[in-house]
Every structure is written in structure tokens, then in C-alpha cells.
Amino acid sequence: MGSNVEFEWSPEQVLREAERRLRELPELAEQPISCRLEGRTLTLYGRVPTYSLKQTVRTRVKSIRGVERVDDRLDVVPYPASNHDPSRANRNRP
């Protein structure tokens, strides 16, 4: 007979899965997110350039087996405009 007991991941497995899911987001290549697990609460630390990316990060990790709560400590800090931004080029002309 089958068991109704759901397989539980170890804390190390939960953290590895969170890191794997976050590495899949190319927008985080320059701003890595760190994770900490206490009990069943996964805490996220770092910076993201937009609020929508912050929401994406939360969504990616909240469904990980073993995570009951996500403590989002991410700061939204827009990336500075590039010197190669075409919209800035016209402003620098006399």
C-alpha cells in the first residue's frame, strides 16, 4: 500500500533548489540573491532592478517543497543608465 507521507527535502536541498531557480533568471546575473533557511522560512537578501523582478523571485521560490513562508528582504534598486543608452546620446549634444 502507498504512503500519504510527502517526501521532505533537507535544508541543503531546499537552498540548492532556490539557488538553481534563481540562476535561471538572466536579470540576476549582475545582482545575485542570497538565501537563508530557518525552519520552513526562506529569507531572500539582495537587490533587484525592478519591482516585477522582485515578485518573480518570490514566485519562483515559494513553491519549493519545504518552504512555507518567504521573508522577502530584497531591495529594489534600478540599474544606472548606461553611457551607451541612445536616449542619453542626444542630451549630451550642444
PDB file of N, CA and C in Angstrom:
ATOM      1  N   MET A   1       0.835  -1.187   0.000  1.00  0.00           N
ATOM      2  CA  MET A   1       0.000   0.000   0.000  1.00  0.00           C
ATOM      3  C   MET A   1       0.880   1.250   0.000  1.00  0.00           C
ATOM      4  N   GLY A   2       0.380   2.284  -0.617  1.00  0.00           N
ATOM      5  CA  GLY A   2       1.120   3.535  -0.691  1.00  0.00           C
ATOM      6  C   GLY A   2       1.043   4.307   0.602  1.00  0.00           C
ATOM      7  N   SER A   3       1.950   5.229   0.742  1.00  0.00           N
ATOM      8  CA  SER A   3       2.002   6.070   1.930  1.00  0.00           C
ATOM      9  C   SER A   3       1.535   7.476   1.580  1.00  0.00           C
ATOM     10  N   ASN A   4       0.879   8.130   2.517  1.00  0.00           N
ATOM     11  CA  ASN A   4       0.448   9.507   2.316  1.00  0.00           C
ATOM     12  C   ASN A   4       1.496  10.512   2.785  1.00  0.00           C
ATOM     13  N   VAL A   5       2.628  10.014   3.266  1.00  0.00           N
ATOM     14  CA  VAL A   5       3.682  10.886   3.764  1.00  0.00           C
ATOM     15  C   VAL A   5       4.400  11.512   2.583  1.00  0.00           C
ATOM     16  N   GLU A   6       4.428  12.842   2.557  1.00  0.00           N
ATOM     17  CA  GLU A   6       5.119  13.559   1.481  1.00  0.00           C
ATOM     18  C   GLU A   6       6.611  13.611   1.787  1.00  0.00           C
ATOM     19  N   PHE A   7       7.409  13.358   0.776  1.00  0.00           N
ATOM     20  CA  PHE A   7       8.861  13.422   0.904  1.00  0.00           C
ATOM     21  C   PHE A   7       9.289  14.828   1.305  1.00  0.00           C
ATOM     22  N   GLU A   8      10.144  14.953   2.286  1.00  0.00           N
ATOM     23  CA  GLU A   8      10.650  16.257   2.738  1.00  0.00           C
ATOM     24  C   GLU A   8      12.087  16.440   2.276  1.00  0.00           C
ATOM     25  N   TRP A   9      12.397  17.626   1.811  1.00  0.00           N
ATOM     26  CA  TRP A   9      13.761  17.956   1.425  1.00  0.00           C
ATOM     27  C   TRP A   9      14.539  18.411   2.650  1.00  0.00           C
ATOM     28  N   SER A  10      15.835  18.140   2.633  1.00  0.00           N
ATOM     29  CA  SER A  10      16.704  18.642   3.695  1.00  0.00           C
ATOM     30  C   SER A  10      16.893  20.144   3.477  1.00  0.00           C
ATOM     31  N   PRO A  11      17.320  20.870   4.503  1.00  0.00           N
ATOM     32  CA  PRO A  11      17.590  22.314   4.328  1.00  0.00           C
ATOM     33  C   PRO A  11      18.581  22.592   3.195  1.00  0.00           C
ATOM     34  N   GLU A  12      19.592  21.740   3.060  1.00  0.00           N
ATOM     35  CA  GLU A  12      20.573  21.928   1.991  1.00  0.00           C
ATOM     36  C   GLU A  12      19.923  21.778   0.623  1.00  0.00           C
ATOM     37  N   GLN A  13      19.018  20.815   0.484  1.00  0.00           N
ATOM     38  CA  GLN A  13      18.331  20.615  -0.786  1.00  0.00           C
ATOM     39  C   GLN A  13      17.415  21.794  -1.116  1.00  0.00           C
ATOM     40  N   VAL A  14      16.749  22.337  -0.102  1.00  0.00           N
ATOM     41  CA  VAL A  14      15.877  23.497  -0.309  1.00  0.00           C
ATOM     42  C   VAL A  14      16.703  24.677  -0.806  1.00  0.00           C
ATOM     43  N   LEU A  15      17.833  24.932  -0.166  1.00  0.00           N
ATOM     44  CA  LEU A  15      18.692  26.051  -0.577  1.00  0.00           C
ATOM     45  C   LEU A  15      19.261  25.839  -1.971  1.00  0.00           C
ATOM     46  N   ARG A  16      19.687  24.628  -2.285  1.00  0.00           N
ATOM     47  CA  ARG A  16      20.205  24.345  -3.635  1.00  0.00           C
ATOM     48  C   ARG A  16      19.125  24.573  -4.688  1.00  0.00           C
ATOM     49  N   GLU A  17      17.893  24.140  -4.390  1.00  0.00           N
ATOM     50  CA  GLU A  17      16.804  24.328  -5.342  1.00  0.00           C
ATOM     51  C   GLU A  17      16.485  25.812  -5.515  1.00  0.00           C
ATOM     52  N   ALA A  18      16.487  26.568  -4.422  1.00  0.00           N
ATOM     53  CA  ALA A  18      16.240  28.017  -4.520  1.00  0.00           C
ATOM     54  C   ALA A  18      17.315  28.674  -5.387  1.00  0.00           C
ATOM     55  N   GLU A  19      18.566  28.337  -5.143  1.00  0.00           N
ATOM     56  CA  GLU A  19      19.658  28.919  -5.924  1.00  0.00           C
ATOM     57  C   GLU A  19      19.554  28.523  -7.393  1.00  0.00           C
ATOM     58  N   ARG A  20      19.177  27.277  -7.673  1.00  0.00           N
ATOM     59  CA  ARG A  20      19.024  26.821  -9.053  1.00  0.00           C
ATOM     60  C   ARG A  20      17.941  27.623  -9.768  1.00  0.00           C
ATOM     61  N   ARG A  21      16.801  27.805  -9.097  1.00  0.00           N
ATOM     62  CA  ARG A  21      15.700  28.553  -9.714  1.00  0.00           C
ATOM     63  C   ARG A  21      16.073  30.008  -9.965  1.00  0.00           C
ATOM     64  N   LEU A  22      16.835  30.591  -9.076  1.00  0.00           N
ATOM     65  CA  LEU A  22      17.228  31.987  -9.241  1.00  0.00           C
ATOM     66  C   LEU A  22      18.296  32.150 -10.321  1.00  0.00           C
ATOM     67  N   ARG A  23      19.173  31.161 -10.474  1.00  0.00           N
ATOM     68  CA  ARG A  23      20.203  31.231 -11.531  1.00  0.00           C
ATOM     69  C   ARG A  23      19.567  31.205 -12.918  1.00  0.00           C
ATOM     70  N   GLU A  24      18.354  30.685 -13.024  1.00  0.00           N
ATOM     71  CA  GLU A  24      17.660  30.628 -14.311  1.00  0.00           C
ATOM     72  C   GLU A  24      17.192  32.005 -14.778  1.00  0.00           C
ATOM     73  N   LEU A  25      17.245  32.999 -13.919  1.00  0.00           N
ATOM     74  CA  LEU A  25      16.810  34.349 -14.266  1.00  0.00           C
ATOM     75  C   LEU A  25      18.021  35.171 -14.722  1.00  0.00           C
ATOM     76  N   PRO A  26      18.136  35.438 -16.025  1.00  0.00           N
ATOM     77  CA  PRO A  26      19.311  36.177 -16.506  1.00  0.00           C
ATOM     78  C   PRO A  26      19.411  37.583 -15.911  1.00  0.00           C
ATOM     79  N   GLU A  27      18.295  38.156 -15.493  1.00  0.00           N
ATOM     80  CA  GLU A  27      18.310  39.502 -14.913  1.00  0.00           C
ATOM     81  C   GLU A  27      19.082  39.555 -13.599  1.00  0.00           C
ATOM     82  N   LEU A  28      19.327  38.395 -12.996  1.00  0.00           N
ATOM     83  CA  LEU A  28      20.032  38.366 -11.707  1.00  0.00           C
ATOM     84  C   LEU A  28      21.525  38.098 -11.860  1.00  0.00           C
ATOM     85  N   ALA A  29      22.012  38.043 -13.091  1.00  0.00           N
ATOM     86  CA  ALA A  29      23.425  37.737 -13.315  1.00  0.00           C
ATOM     87  C   ALA A  29      24.336  38.761 -12.644  1.00  0.00           C
ATOM     88  N   GLU A  30      23.935  40.028 -12.667  1.00  0.00           N
ATOM     89  CA  GLU A  30      24.749  41.094 -12.075  1.00  0.00           C
ATOM     90  C   GLU A  30      24.418  41.352 -10.605  1.00  0.00           C
ATOM     91  N   GLN A  31      23.276  40.898 -10.161  1.00  0.00           N
ATOM     92  CA  GLN A  31      22.828  41.143  -8.789  1.00  0.00           C
ATOM     93  C   GLN A  31      22.397  39.822  -8.147  1.00  0.00           C
ATOM     94  N   PRO A  32      23.341  38.996  -7.717  1.00  0.00           N
ATOM     95  CA  PRO A  32      22.945  37.718  -7.146  1.00  0.00           C
ATOM     96  C   PRO A  32      22.137  37.888  -5.862  1.00  0.00           C
ATOM     97  N   ILE A  33      21.227  36.966  -5.668  1.00  0.00           N
ATOM     98  CA  ILE A  33      20.367  36.938  -4.483  1.00  0.00           C
ATOM     99  C   ILE A  33      20.885  35.855  -3.557  1.00  0.00           C
ATOM    100  N   SER A  34      20.964  36.143  -2.282  1.00  0.00           N
ATOM    101  CA  SER A  34      21.351  35.103  -1.328  1.00  0.00           C
ATOM    102  C   SER A  34      20.112  34.657  -0.557  1.00  0.00           C
ATOM    103  N   CYS A  35      20.155  33.412  -0.128  1.00  0.00           N
ATOM    104  CA  CYS A  35      19.022  32.807   0.566  1.00  0.00           C
ATOM    105  C   CYS A  35      19.489  32.220   1.889  1.00  0.00           C
ATOM    106  N   ARG A  36      18.597  32.278   2.857  1.00  0.00           N
ATOM    107  CA  ARG A  36      18.853  31.661   4.155  1.00  0.00           C
ATOM    108  C   ARG A  36      17.585  30.945   4.581  1.00  0.00           C
ATOM    109  N   LEU A  37      17.719  29.755   5.111  1.00  0.00           N
ATOM    110  CA  LEU A  37      16.574  28.973   5.541  1.00  0.00           C
ATOM    111  C   LEU A  37      16.628  28.780   7.043  1.00  0.00           C
ATOM    112  N   GLU A  38      15.542  29.192   7.702  1.00  0.00           N
ATOM    113  CA  GLU A  38      15.392  28.964   9.143  1.00  0.00           C
ATOM    114  C   GLU A  38      14.061  28.271   9.335  1.00  0.00           C
ATOM    115  N   GLY A  39      14.113  27.013   9.732  1.00  0.00           N
ATOM    116  CA  GLY A  39      12.883  26.238   9.817  1.00  0.00           C
ATOM    117  C   GLY A  39      12.317  26.074   8.424  1.00  0.00           C
ATOM    118  N   ARG A  40      11.101  26.557   8.228  1.00  0.00           N
ATOM    119  CA  ARG A  40      10.463  26.484   6.909  1.00  0.00           C
ATOM    120  C   ARG A  40      10.317  27.869   6.271  1.00  0.00           C
ATOM    121  N   THR A  41      11.082  28.847   6.807  1.00  0.00           N
ATOM    122  CA  THR A  41      11.066  30.204   6.258  1.00  0.00           C
ATOM    123  C   THR A  41      12.329  30.440   5.449  1.00  0.00           C
ATOM    124  N   LEU A  42      12.134  30.779   4.172  1.00  0.00           N
ATOM    125  CA  LEU A  42      13.238  31.098   3.282  1.00  0.00           C
ATOM    126  C   LEU A  42      13.346  32.620   3.205  1.00  0.00           C
ATOM    127  N   THR A  43      14.496  33.146   3.615  1.00  0.00           N
ATOM    128  CA  THR A  43      14.724  34.589   3.585  1.00  0.00           C
ATOM    129  C   THR A  43      15.598  34.926   2.392  1.00  0.00           C
ATOM    130  N   LEU A  44      15.181  35.945   1.643  1.00  0.00           N
ATOM    131  CA  LEU A  44      15.891  36.399   0.449  1.00  0.00           C
ATOM    132  C   LEU A  44      16.576  37.725   0.738  1.00  0.00           C
ATOM    133  N   TYR A  45      17.845  37.847   0.354  1.00  0.00           N
ATOM    134  CA  TYR A  45      18.623  39.067   0.546  1.00  0.00           C
ATOM    135  C   TYR A  45      19.237  39.483  -0.786  1.00  0.00           C
ATOM    136  N   GLY A  46      19.300  40.760  -1.023  1.00  0.00           N
ATOM    137  CA  GLY A  46      19.965  41.265  -2.214  1.00  0.00           C
ATOM    138  C   GLY A  46      19.216  42.427  -2.828  1.00  0.00           C
ATOM    139  N   ARG A  47      19.585  42.715  -4.074  1.00  0.00           N
ATOM    140  CA  ARG A  47      18.989  43.834  -4.807  1.00  0.00           C
ATOM    141  C   ARG A  47      18.478  43.344  -6.151  1.00  0.00           C
ATOM    142  N   VAL A  48      17.379  43.914  -6.563  1.00  0.00           N
ATOM    143  CA  VAL A  48      16.822  43.653  -7.889  1.00  0.00           C
ATOM    144  C   VAL A  48      16.510  45.000  -8.531  1.00  0.00           C
ATOM    145  N   PRO A  49      16.527  45.077  -9.873  1.00  0.00           N
ATOM    146  CA  PRO A  49      16.333  46.372 -10.528  1.00  0.00           C
ATOM    147  C   PRO A  49      14.878  46.815 -10.638  1.00  0.00           C
ATOM    148  N   THR A  50      13.915  45.892 -10.511  1.00  0.00           N
ATOM    149  CA  THR A  50      12.507  46.268 -10.664  1.00  0.00           C
ATOM    150  C   THR A  50      11.632  45.529  -9.661  1.00  0.00           C
ATOM    151  N   TYR A  51      10.487  46.131  -9.389  1.00  0.00           N
ATOM    152  CA  TYR A  51       9.522  45.502  -8.506  1.00  0.00           C
ATOM    153  C   TYR A  51       8.984  44.213  -9.129  1.00  0.00           C
ATOM    154  N   SER A  52       8.796  44.194 -10.445  1.00  0.00           N
ATOM    155  CA  SER A  52       8.269  42.984 -11.094  1.00  0.00           C
ATOM    156  C   SER A  52       9.259  41.826 -10.977  1.00  0.00           C
ATOM    157  N   LEU A  53      10.557  42.107 -11.032  1.00  0.00           N
ATOM    158  CA  LEU A  53      11.536  41.045 -10.838  1.00  0.00           C
ATOM    159  C   LEU A  53      11.510  40.550  -9.392  1.00  0.00           C
ATOM    160  N   LYS A  54      11.287  41.453  -8.474  1.00  0.00           N
ATOM    161  CA  LYS A  54      11.164  41.076  -7.066  1.00  0.00           C
ATOM    162  C   LYS A  54      10.008  40.078  -6.898  1.00  0.00           C
ATOM    163  N   GLN A  55       8.884  40.350  -7.545  1.00  0.00           N
ATOM    164  CA  GLN A  55       7.730  39.448  -7.489  1.00  0.00           C
ATOM    165  C   GLN A  55       8.054  38.113  -8.155  1.00  0.00           C
ATOM    166  N   THR A  56       8.770  38.153  -9.264  1.00  0.00           N
ATOM    167  CA  THR A  56       9.158  36.926  -9.954  1.00  0.00           C
ATOM    168  C   THR A  56      10.030  36.053  -9.061  1.00  0.00           C
ATOM    169  N   VAL A  57      10.972  36.666  -8.373  1.00  0.00           N
ATOM    170  CA  VAL A  57      11.859  35.928  -7.469  1.00  0.00           C
ATOM    171  C   VAL A  57      11.035  35.244  -6.378  1.00  0.00           C
ATOM    172  N   ARG A  58      10.135  35.981  -5.770  1.00  0.00           N
ATOM    173  CA  ARG A  58       9.272  35.407  -4.719  1.00  0.00           C
ATOM    174  C   ARG A  58       8.478  34.215  -5.247  1.00  0.00           C
ATOM    175  N   THR A  59       7.883  34.385  -6.413  1.00  0.00           N
ATOM    176  CA  THR A  59       7.063  33.328  -7.001  1.00  0.00           C
ATOM    177  C   THR A  59       7.902  32.086  -7.285  1.00  0.00           C
ATOM    178  N   ARG A  60       9.116  32.286  -7.762  1.00  0.00           N
ATOM    179  CA  ARG A  60       9.999  31.165  -8.091  1.00  0.00           C
ATOM    180  C   ARG A  60      10.334  30.298  -6.886  1.00  0.00           C
ATOM    181  N   VAL A  61      10.479  30.912  -5.723  1.00  0.00           N
ATOM    182  CA  VAL A  61      10.947  30.133  -4.570  1.00  0.00           C
ATOM    183  C   VAL A  61       9.840  29.688  -3.624  1.00  0.00           C
ATOM    184  N   LYS A  62       8.683  30.321  -3.688  1.00  0.00           N
ATOM    185  CA  LYS A  62       7.661  29.994  -2.691  1.00  0.00           C
ATOM    186  C   LYS A  62       7.043  28.614  -2.874  1.00  0.00           C
ATOM    187  N   SER A  63       7.182  28.028  -4.058  1.00  0.00           N
ATOM    188  CA  SER A  63       6.603  26.704  -4.297  1.00  0.00           C
ATOM    189  C   SER A  63       7.583  25.565  -4.036  1.00  0.00           C
ATOM    190  N   ILE A  64       8.756  25.875  -3.521  1.00  0.00           N
ATOM    191  CA  ILE A  64       9.742  24.829  -3.235  1.00  0.00           C
ATOM    192  C   ILE A  64       9.249  23.990  -2.064  1.00  0.00           C
ATOM    193  N   ARG A  65       9.342  22.682  -2.236  1.00  0.00           N
ATOM    194  CA  ARG A  65       8.936  21.757  -1.173  1.00  0.00           C
ATOM    195  C   ARG A  65       9.740  22.050   0.089  1.00  0.00           C
ATOM    196  N   GLY A  66       9.057  22.234   1.191  1.00  0.00           N
ATOM    197  CA  GLY A  66       9.718  22.524   2.455  1.00  0.00           C
ATOM    198  C   GLY A  66       9.674  23.998   2.833  1.00  0.00           C
ATOM    199  N   VAL A  67       9.262  24.859   1.898  1.00  0.00           N
ATOM    200  CA  VAL A  67       9.159  26.292   2.180  1.00  0.00           C
ATOM    201  C   VAL A  67       7.700  26.631   2.450  1.00  0.00           C
ATOM    202  N   GLU A  68       7.444  27.112   3.643  1.00  0.00           N
ATOM    203  CA  GLU A  68       6.077  27.535   3.990  1.00  0.00           C
ATOM    204  C   GLU A  68       5.916  29.041   3.917  1.00  0.00           C
ATOM    205  N   ARG A  69       7.033  29.758   4.078  1.00  0.00           N
ATOM    206  CA  ARG A  69       6.968  31.223   4.117  1.00  0.00           C
ATOM    207  C   ARG A  69       8.212  31.789   3.454  1.00  0.00           C
ATOM    208  N   VAL A  70       8.029  32.889   2.725  1.00  0.00           N
ATOM    209  CA  VAL A  70       9.162  33.604   2.122  1.00  0.00           C
ATOM    210  C   VAL A  70       9.260  34.969   2.805  1.00  0.00           C
ATOM    211  N   ASP A  71      10.406  35.236   3.407  1.00  0.00           N
ATOM    212  CA  ASP A  71      10.688  36.524   4.031  1.00  0.00           C
ATOM    213  C   ASP A  71      11.505  37.326   3.021  1.00  0.00           C
ATOM    214  N   ASP A  72      10.845  38.231   2.347  1.00  0.00           N
ATOM    215  CA  ASP A  72      11.443  38.988   1.253  1.00  0.00           C
ATOM    216  C   ASP A  72      12.143  40.230   1.796  1.00  0.00           C
ATOM    217  N   ARG A  73      13.455  40.209   1.789  1.00  0.00           N
ATOM    218  CA  ARG A  73      14.242  41.372   2.214  1.00  0.00           C
ATOM    219  C   ARG A  73      15.010  41.950   1.034  1.00  0.00           C
ATOM    220  N   LEU A  74      14.440  41.780  -0.148  1.00  0.00           N
ATOM    221  CA  LEU A  74      15.061  42.302  -1.369  1.00  0.00           C
ATOM    222  C   LEU A  74      14.794  43.794  -1.491  1.00  0.00           C
ATOM    223  N   ASP A  75      15.815  44.527  -1.897  1.00  0.00           N
ATOM    224  CA  ASP A  75      15.682  45.956  -2.169  1.00  0.00           C
ATOM    225  C   ASP A  75      15.547  46.160  -3.671  1.00  0.00           C
ATOM    226  N   VAL A  76      14.647  47.044  -4.076  1.00  0.00           N
ATOM    227  CA  VAL A  76      14.519  47.399  -5.484  1.00  0.00           C
ATOM    228  C   VAL A  76      15.414  48.614  -5.717  1.00  0.00           C
ATOM    229  N   VAL A  77      16.470  48.404  -6.505  1.00  0.00           N
ATOM    230  CA  VAL A  77      17.440  49.454  -6.812  1.00  0.00           C
ATOM    231  C   VAL A  77      17.647  49.434  -8.322  1.00  0.00           C
ATOM    232  N   PRO A  78      17.066  50.401  -9.052  1.00  0.00           N
ATOM    233  CA  PRO A  78      17.213  50.416 -10.515  1.00  0.00           C
ATOM    234  C   PRO A  78      18.675  50.498 -10.927  1.00  0.00           C
ATOM    235  N   TYR A  79      19.003  49.796 -12.007  1.00  0.00           N
ATOM    236  CA  TYR A  79      20.356  49.868 -12.543  1.00  0.00           C
ATOM    237  C   TYR A  79      20.588  51.268 -13.084  1.00  0.00           C
ATOM    238  N   PRO A  80      21.813  51.799 -12.972  1.00  0.00           N
ATOM    239  CA  PRO A  80      22.103  53.115 -13.550  1.00  0.00           C
ATOM    240  C   PRO A  80      22.023  53.061 -15.072  1.00  0.00           C
ATOM    241  N   ALA A  81      21.669  54.180 -15.665  1.00  0.00           N
ATOM    242  CA  ALA A  81      21.603  54.251 -17.132  1.00  0.00           C
ATOM    243  C   ALA A  81      22.995  54.069 -17.705  1.00  0.00           C
ATOM    244  N   SER A  82      23.085  53.366 -18.786  1.00  0.00           N
ATOM    245  CA  SER A  82      24.359  53.098 -19.448  1.00  0.00           C
ATOM    246  C   SER A  82      24.803  54.327 -20.241  1.00  0.00           C
ATOM    247  N   ASN A  83      26.096  54.498 -20.354  1.00  0.00           N
ATOM    248  CA  ASN A  83      26.625  55.575 -21.193  1.00  0.00           C
ATOM    249  C   ASN A  83      26.327  55.316 -22.660  1.00  0.00           C
ATOM    250  N   HIS A  84      25.984  54.076 -22.990  1.00  0.00           N
ATOM    251  CA  HIS A  84      25.689  53.705 -24.366  1.00  0.00           C
ATOM    252  C   HIS A  84      24.200  53.755 -24.650  1.00  0.00           C
ATOM    253  N   ASP A  85      23.438  54.275 -23.740  1.00  0.00           N
ATOM    254  CA  ASP A  85      21.989  54.384 -23.907  1.00  0.00           C
ATOM    255  C   ASP A  85      21.708  55.446 -24.969  1.00  0.00           C
ATOM    256  N   PRO A  86      21.056  55.061 -26.094  1.00  0.00           N
ATOM    257  CA  PRO A  86      20.799  56.039 -27.175  1.00  0.00           C
ATOM    258  C   PRO A  86      19.972  57.239 -26.724  1.00  0.00           C
ATOM    259  N   SER A  87      19.124  57.066 -25.760  1.00  0.00           N
ATOM    260  CA  SER A  87      18.303  58.191 -25.305  1.00  0.00           C
ATOM    261  C   SER A  87      19.151  59.247 -24.598  1.00  0.00           C
ATOM    262  N   ARG A  88      20.308  58.855 -24.085  1.00  0.00           N
ATOM    263  CA  ARG A  88      21.195  59.809 -23.422  1.00  0.00           C
ATOM    264  C   ARG A  88      22.093  60.531 -24.418  1.00  0.00           C
ATOM    265  N   ALA A  89      22.345  59.920 -25.555  1.00  0.00           N
ATOM    266  CA  ALA A  89      23.282  60.479 -26.537  1.00  0.00           C
ATOM    267  C   ALA A  89      22.836  61.858 -27.004  1.00  0.00           C
ATOM    268  N   ASN A  90      21.565  62.049 -27.266  1.00  0.00           N
ATOM    269  CA  ASN A  90      21.076  63.344 -27.750  1.00  0.00           C
ATOM    270  C   ASN A  90      21.139  64.423 -26.698  1.00  0.00           C
ATOM    271  N   ARG A  91      21.067  64.051 -25.444  1.00  0.00           N
ATOM    272  CA  ARG A  91      21.103  65.041 -24.374  1.00  0.00           C
ATOM    273  C   ARG A  91      22.504  65.627 -24.180  1.00  0.00           C
ATOM    274  N   ASN A  92      23.523  64.898 -24.625  1.00  0.00           N
ATOM    275  CA  ASN A  92      24.896  65.367 -24.442  1.00  0.00           C
ATOM    276  C   ASN A  92      25.371  66.270 -25.560  1.00  0.00           C
ATOM    277  N   ARG A  93      24.573  66.434 -26.598  1.00  0.00           N
ATOM    278  CA  ARG A  93      24.972  67.292 -27.713  1.00  0.00           C
ATOM    279  C   ARG A  93      24.668  68.764 -27.398  1.00  0.00           C
ATOM    280  N   PRO A  94      25.554  69.684 -27.847  1.00  0.00           N
ATOM    281  CA  PRO A  94      25.315  71.124 -27.596  1.00  0.00           C
ATOM    282  C   PRO A  94      24.171  71.667 -28.404  1.00  0.00           C
TER     283      PRO A  94
END
